[in-house]
Amino acid sequence: MPYFIILCGEVRYMPEIIAGVLISFFAIIGFVEFVDAVFKCLLTPRLEKIAFVVTCRGHDEQIEYCVRSLASQSQLLRFRAQPLIIVLDAGMDEETRLICEKLACDFDGVSVCKSNELPLILNGELQN
């Protein structure tokens, strides 16, 4: 025999009540997240530039993961500023350089440079 509860003259079964509570709970969480995102978008001042510099030397197995992760996380900043990810070549090998150049082609705002080119990129005079 199923469990039931009588509310306001209606018979409600326990699974219906539990489903209603869970749906209401997740709806409230979704609404709060939406309001939080709107307030962050409207109340956060716009930044001019954000630059992330990743230095790479020798053969780096994790450089692709690092740049992809940084590009993914910087998507959250796009409504405030256009983030720039710079992979600084401090003596990386050819394979790592090719991976970094491919990432620069795949993602907007990612560039690869030597240390002497860094001030030019940060000032916006050098376009890759």
N, C-alpha and C. Protein backbone atom coordinates (compact mmCIF):
# COMPACT_ATOMS: atom_id res chain seq x y z
N MET A 1 0.84 -1.18 0.00
CA MET A 1 0.00 0.00 0.00
C MET A 1 0.89 1.25 0.00
N PRO A 2 0.71 2.16 -0.96
CA PRO A 2 1.56 3.34 -1.03
C PRO A 2 1.23 4.33 0.08
N TYR A 3 2.27 5.06 0.45
CA TYR A 3 2.09 6.10 1.46
C TYR A 3 1.46 7.32 0.80
N PHE A 4 0.57 7.97 1.50
CA PHE A 4 -0.04 9.17 0.96
C PHE A 4 -0.29 10.16 2.09
N ILE A 5 -0.45 11.41 1.69
CA ILE A 5 -0.70 12.50 2.64
C ILE A 5 -1.90 13.28 2.11
N ILE A 6 -2.75 13.69 2.99
CA ILE A 6 -3.90 14.49 2.60
C ILE A 6 -3.59 15.95 2.90
N LEU A 7 -3.49 16.75 1.83
CA LEU A 7 -3.20 18.18 1.96
C LEU A 7 -4.35 18.95 1.33
N CYS A 8 -4.97 19.82 2.10
CA CYS A 8 -6.05 20.68 1.61
C CYS A 8 -7.13 19.87 0.90
N GLY A 9 -7.45 18.74 1.42
CA GLY A 9 -8.51 17.93 0.86
C GLY A 9 -8.09 17.08 -0.33
N GLU A 10 -6.81 17.15 -0.75
CA GLU A 10 -6.33 16.34 -1.87
C GLU A 10 -5.42 15.24 -1.35
N VAL A 11 -5.48 14.12 -2.01
CA VAL A 11 -4.60 13.01 -1.66
C VAL A 11 -3.34 13.15 -2.48
N ARG A 12 -2.21 13.23 -1.80
CA ARG A 12 -0.91 13.35 -2.46
C ARG A 12 -0.07 12.14 -2.08
N TYR A 13 0.50 11.52 -3.07
CA TYR A 13 1.37 10.38 -2.81
C TYR A 13 2.78 10.88 -2.55
N MET A 14 3.52 10.14 -1.76
CA MET A 14 4.85 10.54 -1.31
C MET A 14 5.81 10.80 -2.47
N PRO A 15 5.88 9.97 -3.53
CA PRO A 15 6.80 10.29 -4.63
C PRO A 15 6.48 11.62 -5.30
N GLU A 16 5.21 11.99 -5.40
CA GLU A 16 4.84 13.28 -5.99
C GLU A 16 5.35 14.42 -5.13
N ILE A 17 5.25 14.27 -3.84
CA ILE A 17 5.70 15.32 -2.92
C ILE A 17 7.21 15.47 -2.98
N ILE A 18 7.93 14.35 -2.98
CA ILE A 18 9.40 14.39 -3.04
C ILE A 18 9.85 15.00 -4.37
N ALA A 19 9.22 14.60 -5.48
CA ALA A 19 9.56 15.17 -6.78
C ALA A 19 9.29 16.67 -6.81
N GLY A 20 8.19 17.10 -6.24
CA GLY A 20 7.87 18.52 -6.20
C GLY A 20 8.87 19.32 -5.39
N VAL A 21 9.29 18.76 -4.26
CA VAL A 21 10.29 19.43 -3.42
C VAL A 21 11.62 19.53 -4.16
N LEU A 22 12.05 18.45 -4.80
CA LEU A 22 13.33 18.47 -5.54
C LEU A 22 13.28 19.45 -6.71
N ILE A 23 12.20 19.46 -7.46
CA ILE A 23 12.08 20.39 -8.58
C ILE A 23 12.09 21.83 -8.08
N SER A 24 11.40 22.09 -6.99
CA SER A 24 11.40 23.45 -6.42
C SER A 24 12.78 23.85 -5.95
N PHE A 25 13.50 22.93 -5.32
CA PHE A 25 14.84 23.20 -4.82
C PHE A 25 15.77 23.56 -5.97
N PHE A 26 15.78 22.77 -7.03
CA PHE A 26 16.67 23.04 -8.16
C PHE A 26 16.23 24.29 -8.93
N ALA A 27 14.96 24.59 -8.96
CA ALA A 27 14.49 25.82 -9.60
C ALA A 27 14.99 27.04 -8.83
N ILE A 28 14.97 26.97 -7.52
CA ILE A 28 15.47 28.09 -6.70
C ILE A 28 16.97 28.26 -6.91
N ILE A 29 17.72 27.16 -6.94
CA ILE A 29 19.17 27.25 -7.17
C ILE A 29 19.45 27.85 -8.55
N GLY A 30 18.72 27.43 -9.57
CA GLY A 30 18.90 27.99 -10.91
C GLY A 30 18.59 29.46 -10.97
N PHE A 31 17.53 29.88 -10.29
CA PHE A 31 17.17 31.29 -10.27
C PHE A 31 18.23 32.13 -9.57
N VAL A 32 18.76 31.63 -8.46
CA VAL A 32 19.80 32.35 -7.73
C VAL A 32 21.07 32.47 -8.58
N GLU A 33 21.45 31.40 -9.29
CA GLU A 33 22.62 31.47 -10.18
C GLU A 33 22.40 32.47 -11.31
N PHE A 34 21.20 32.51 -11.85
CA PHE A 34 20.89 33.45 -12.92
C PHE A 34 20.99 34.89 -12.42
N VAL A 35 20.41 35.17 -11.26
CA VAL A 35 20.48 36.52 -10.69
C VAL A 35 21.92 36.89 -10.39
N ASP A 36 22.72 35.94 -9.89
CA ASP A 36 24.13 36.19 -9.61
C ASP A 36 24.88 36.55 -10.89
N ALA A 37 24.65 35.83 -11.98
CA ALA A 37 25.31 36.12 -13.25
C ALA A 37 24.91 37.48 -13.79
N VAL A 38 23.65 37.83 -13.66
CA VAL A 38 23.20 39.14 -14.14
C VAL A 38 23.85 40.26 -13.33
N PHE A 39 23.89 40.11 -12.01
CA PHE A 39 24.52 41.14 -11.18
C PHE A 39 26.01 41.25 -11.47
N LYS A 40 26.69 40.13 -11.68
CA LYS A 40 28.11 40.19 -12.02
C LYS A 40 28.31 40.92 -13.34
N CYS A 41 27.45 40.67 -14.29
CA CYS A 41 27.58 41.30 -15.59
C CYS A 41 27.30 42.80 -15.52
N LEU A 42 26.30 43.19 -14.76
CA LEU A 42 25.89 44.60 -14.72
C LEU A 42 26.71 45.45 -13.76
N LEU A 43 27.13 44.86 -12.65
CA LEU A 43 27.77 45.66 -11.61
C LEU A 43 29.29 45.63 -11.63
N THR A 44 29.87 44.72 -12.39
CA THR A 44 31.33 44.64 -12.44
C THR A 44 31.83 45.65 -13.47
N PRO A 45 32.77 46.50 -13.10
CA PRO A 45 33.26 47.50 -14.07
C PRO A 45 34.02 46.83 -15.20
N ARG A 46 33.94 47.43 -16.37
CA ARG A 46 34.64 46.88 -17.53
C ARG A 46 36.13 47.17 -17.42
N LEU A 47 36.92 46.14 -17.65
CA LEU A 47 38.37 46.27 -17.62
C LEU A 47 38.87 46.50 -19.04
N GLU A 48 39.97 47.19 -19.17
CA GLU A 48 40.49 47.44 -20.50
C GLU A 48 41.17 46.21 -21.07
N LYS A 49 42.16 45.68 -20.35
CA LYS A 49 42.91 44.54 -20.86
C LYS A 49 43.26 43.60 -19.71
N ILE A 50 43.24 42.33 -20.03
CA ILE A 50 43.73 41.31 -19.11
C ILE A 50 44.70 40.45 -19.89
N ALA A 51 45.89 40.25 -19.36
CA ALA A 51 46.89 39.43 -20.04
C ALA A 51 47.40 38.35 -19.10
N PHE A 52 47.45 37.14 -19.61
CA PHE A 52 48.04 36.02 -18.89
C PHE A 52 49.31 35.63 -19.64
N VAL A 53 50.41 35.53 -18.92
CA VAL A 53 51.68 35.16 -19.53
C VAL A 53 52.09 33.80 -18.99
N VAL A 54 52.30 32.86 -19.91
CA VAL A 54 52.72 31.51 -19.57
C VAL A 54 54.13 31.33 -20.12
N THR A 55 55.09 31.09 -19.26
CA THR A 55 56.47 30.91 -19.68
C THR A 55 56.74 29.43 -19.91
N CYS A 56 57.40 29.12 -21.01
CA CYS A 56 57.68 27.73 -21.35
C CYS A 56 59.15 27.59 -21.73
N ARG A 57 59.80 26.60 -21.15
CA ARG A 57 61.22 26.35 -21.40
C ARG A 57 61.41 24.86 -21.67
N GLY A 58 62.19 24.53 -22.69
CA GLY A 58 62.47 23.13 -23.00
C GLY A 58 61.25 22.42 -23.56
N HIS A 59 61.11 21.15 -23.21
CA HIS A 59 59.96 20.37 -23.64
C HIS A 59 58.96 20.33 -22.50
N ASP A 60 57.77 20.82 -22.76
CA ASP A 60 56.74 20.88 -21.71
C ASP A 60 55.55 20.04 -22.14
N GLU A 61 55.32 18.95 -21.44
CA GLU A 61 54.21 18.05 -21.75
C GLU A 61 52.86 18.67 -21.43
N GLN A 62 52.81 19.58 -20.50
CA GLN A 62 51.54 20.13 -20.01
C GLN A 62 51.15 21.45 -20.65
N ILE A 63 51.90 21.93 -21.63
CA ILE A 63 51.63 23.27 -22.16
C ILE A 63 50.27 23.34 -22.86
N GLU A 64 49.90 22.29 -23.59
CA GLU A 64 48.61 22.32 -24.27
C GLU A 64 47.47 22.34 -23.26
N TYR A 65 47.57 21.50 -22.23
CA TYR A 65 46.54 21.50 -21.18
C TYR A 65 46.47 22.86 -20.49
N CYS A 66 47.62 23.44 -20.21
CA CYS A 66 47.68 24.73 -19.51
C CYS A 66 47.01 25.83 -20.33
N VAL A 67 47.34 25.91 -21.61
CA VAL A 67 46.79 26.97 -22.45
C VAL A 67 45.30 26.75 -22.70
N ARG A 68 44.89 25.50 -22.95
CA ARG A 68 43.47 25.22 -23.18
C ARG A 68 42.65 25.52 -21.91
N SER A 69 43.20 25.16 -20.76
CA SER A 69 42.51 25.43 -19.50
C SER A 69 42.38 26.94 -19.27
N LEU A 70 43.44 27.66 -19.52
CA LEU A 70 43.42 29.11 -19.34
C LEU A 70 42.46 29.77 -20.33
N ALA A 71 42.42 29.28 -21.56
CA ALA A 71 41.50 29.83 -22.56
C ALA A 71 40.05 29.54 -22.16
N SER A 72 39.81 28.37 -21.63
CA SER A 72 38.46 28.02 -21.19
C SER A 72 38.03 28.88 -20.01
N GLN A 73 38.91 29.05 -19.04
CA GLN A 73 38.57 29.85 -17.87
C GLN A 73 38.45 31.33 -18.21
N SER A 74 39.20 31.79 -19.21
CA SER A 74 39.14 33.20 -19.57
C SER A 74 37.85 33.54 -20.32
N GLN A 75 37.10 32.53 -20.75
CA GLN A 75 35.80 32.78 -21.38
C GLN A 75 34.86 33.51 -20.40
N LEU A 76 35.04 33.25 -19.11
CA LEU A 76 34.21 33.92 -18.11
C LEU A 76 34.49 35.42 -18.04
N LEU A 77 35.66 35.84 -18.49
CA LEU A 77 36.04 37.25 -18.42
C LEU A 77 35.67 38.02 -19.67
N ARG A 78 35.17 37.36 -20.69
CA ARG A 78 34.94 38.02 -21.99
C ARG A 78 33.93 39.15 -21.93
N PHE A 79 32.97 39.11 -20.97
CA PHE A 79 32.01 40.21 -20.91
C PHE A 79 32.61 41.45 -20.28
N ARG A 80 33.76 41.30 -19.60
CA ARG A 80 34.40 42.47 -18.99
C ARG A 80 35.58 42.97 -19.79
N ALA A 81 36.31 42.09 -20.44
CA ALA A 81 37.49 42.48 -21.20
C ALA A 81 37.85 41.36 -22.15
N GLN A 82 38.65 41.69 -23.14
CA GLN A 82 39.15 40.67 -24.06
C GLN A 82 40.47 40.14 -23.50
N PRO A 83 40.47 38.93 -22.95
CA PRO A 83 41.70 38.40 -22.37
C PRO A 83 42.72 38.04 -23.43
N LEU A 84 43.98 38.22 -23.09
CA LEU A 84 45.09 37.90 -23.96
C LEU A 84 45.96 36.87 -23.25
N ILE A 85 46.22 35.75 -23.92
CA ILE A 85 47.08 34.70 -23.36
C ILE A 85 48.36 34.68 -24.18
N ILE A 86 49.47 34.92 -23.53
CA ILE A 86 50.76 34.99 -24.20
C ILE A 86 51.61 33.82 -23.71
N VAL A 87 52.08 32.99 -24.65
CA VAL A 87 53.00 31.91 -24.32
C VAL A 87 54.39 32.44 -24.63
N LEU A 88 55.18 32.61 -23.59
CA LEU A 88 56.50 33.20 -23.71
C LEU A 88 57.53 32.10 -23.96
N ASP A 89 58.20 32.20 -25.08
CA ASP A 89 59.22 31.22 -25.47
C ASP A 89 60.53 31.56 -24.76
N ALA A 90 60.83 30.77 -23.74
CA ALA A 90 62.09 30.94 -23.01
C ALA A 90 63.03 29.79 -23.33
N GLY A 91 63.06 29.40 -24.60
CA GLY A 91 63.92 28.30 -25.03
C GLY A 91 63.18 26.99 -25.17
N MET A 92 61.94 27.03 -25.66
CA MET A 92 61.19 25.79 -25.83
C MET A 92 61.66 25.06 -27.08
N ASP A 93 61.47 23.75 -27.10
CA ASP A 93 61.90 22.96 -28.24
C ASP A 93 60.91 23.09 -29.39
N GLU A 94 61.26 22.49 -30.54
CA GLU A 94 60.46 22.65 -31.76
C GLU A 94 59.05 22.06 -31.62
N GLU A 95 58.95 20.89 -31.00
CA GLU A 95 57.64 20.24 -30.85
C GLU A 95 56.70 21.09 -30.00
N THR A 96 57.22 21.61 -28.90
CA THR A 96 56.42 22.45 -28.03
C THR A 96 56.04 23.74 -28.74
N ARG A 97 56.95 24.29 -29.53
CA ARG A 97 56.67 25.52 -30.28
C ARG A 97 55.56 25.28 -31.30
N LEU A 98 55.59 24.12 -31.98
CA LEU A 98 54.54 23.81 -32.95
C LEU A 98 53.18 23.66 -32.27
N ILE A 99 53.16 23.03 -31.10
CA ILE A 99 51.91 22.89 -30.34
C ILE A 99 51.37 24.27 -29.95
N CYS A 100 52.25 25.13 -29.49
CA CYS A 100 51.83 26.47 -29.08
C CYS A 100 51.33 27.30 -30.27
N GLU A 101 51.98 27.17 -31.41
CA GLU A 101 51.53 27.91 -32.59
C GLU A 101 50.18 27.39 -33.09
N LYS A 102 49.95 26.08 -32.97
CA LYS A 102 48.65 25.52 -33.33
C LYS A 102 47.57 26.04 -32.39
N LEU A 103 47.88 26.12 -31.10
CA LEU A 103 46.92 26.68 -30.14
C LEU A 103 46.64 28.14 -30.43
N ALA A 104 47.65 28.87 -30.87
CA ALA A 104 47.45 30.29 -31.22
C ALA A 104 46.52 30.42 -32.42
N CYS A 105 46.56 29.45 -33.34
CA CYS A 105 45.64 29.48 -34.48
C CYS A 105 44.22 29.07 -34.06
N ASP A 106 44.13 28.16 -33.09
CA ASP A 106 42.83 27.63 -32.67
C ASP A 106 42.03 28.60 -31.81
N PHE A 107 42.71 29.39 -30.98
CA PHE A 107 42.04 30.26 -30.02
C PHE A 107 42.33 31.73 -30.32
N ASP A 108 41.29 32.55 -30.24
CA ASP A 108 41.49 33.99 -30.35
C ASP A 108 42.14 34.50 -29.07
N GLY A 109 43.07 35.40 -29.20
CA GLY A 109 43.70 35.99 -28.03
C GLY A 109 44.89 35.22 -27.50
N VAL A 110 45.31 34.14 -28.19
CA VAL A 110 46.49 33.38 -27.78
C VAL A 110 47.60 33.70 -28.76
N SER A 111 48.78 34.03 -28.24
CA SER A 111 49.92 34.31 -29.11
C SER A 111 51.18 33.73 -28.49
N VAL A 112 52.15 33.46 -29.34
CA VAL A 112 53.43 32.90 -28.92
C VAL A 112 54.49 33.93 -29.28
N CYS A 113 55.39 34.21 -28.35
CA CYS A 113 56.42 35.21 -28.64
C CYS A 113 57.69 34.90 -27.85
N LYS A 114 58.76 35.52 -28.29
CA LYS A 114 60.03 35.49 -27.56
C LYS A 114 60.00 36.60 -26.51
N SER A 115 60.94 36.55 -25.59
CA SER A 115 60.92 37.51 -24.48
C SER A 115 61.14 38.96 -24.94
N ASN A 116 61.89 39.15 -26.04
CA ASN A 116 62.11 40.52 -26.51
C ASN A 116 60.88 41.09 -27.21
N GLU A 117 59.92 40.25 -27.64
CA GLU A 117 58.70 40.71 -28.29
C GLU A 117 57.58 40.99 -27.29
N LEU A 118 57.75 40.59 -26.05
CA LEU A 118 56.68 40.71 -25.05
C LEU A 118 56.20 42.15 -24.84
N PRO A 119 57.08 43.14 -24.68
CA PRO A 119 56.57 44.51 -24.50
C PRO A 119 55.77 45.01 -25.69
N LEU A 120 56.15 44.59 -26.90
CA LEU A 120 55.42 45.01 -28.09
C LEU A 120 54.01 44.42 -28.11
N ILE A 121 53.89 43.16 -27.72
CA ILE A 121 52.57 42.52 -27.69
C ILE A 121 51.70 43.14 -26.60
N LEU A 122 52.28 43.37 -25.45
CA LEU A 122 51.49 43.96 -24.37
C LEU A 122 51.04 45.37 -24.69
N ASN A 123 51.81 46.09 -25.47
CA ASN A 123 51.40 47.43 -25.88
C ASN A 123 50.52 47.42 -27.12
N GLY A 124 50.32 46.27 -27.71
CA GLY A 124 49.43 46.15 -28.85
C GLY A 124 50.04 46.55 -30.18
N GLU A 125 51.36 46.67 -30.25
CA GLU A 125 52.00 47.09 -31.51
C GLU A 125 52.30 45.92 -32.43
N LEU A 126 52.39 44.72 -31.89
CA LEU A 126 52.72 43.54 -32.69
C LEU A 126 51.50 42.66 -32.80
N GLN A 127 51.07 42.35 -34.00
CA GLN A 127 49.89 41.50 -34.21
C GLN A 127 50.34 40.18 -34.79
N ASN A 128 49.90 39.08 -34.15
CA ASN A 128 50.21 37.74 -34.67
C ASN A 128 49.02 37.16 -35.36
